[in-house]
Amino acid sequence: MVLSLVMVCCFVILPTIAKTNDSSVYYFFSDVFPPMYNDYRPLDPPQWWSSLFETRNADQGTTHEEIQLRPGEGIPAPEVR
């Protein structure tokens, strides 16, 4: 009987408490902490990490998210031989 109560505690109650604490920590660092410290966001990725995924167009200095196609213009299909 005692073993079953210990198992319930380990597999049901403790993970629930851990999830509640994790979400509270995330809420604090994403919503409460930034206004207190000049909009510093410790959970945001560092700038060097973000720059790895942002490619710049050499001609215009724009990112690939900023490049838009005209209506009716599509990306050309690769040549098949």
Foldseek 3Di string as FASTA:
>chain_A
DVVVVVVCCVPPVVVVVVVVVVVVVVCCQPPPPLVVPVRDRPPDDDPVVVVVPWDADPPPRDTPVPDDDDPPDDDDDDDDD
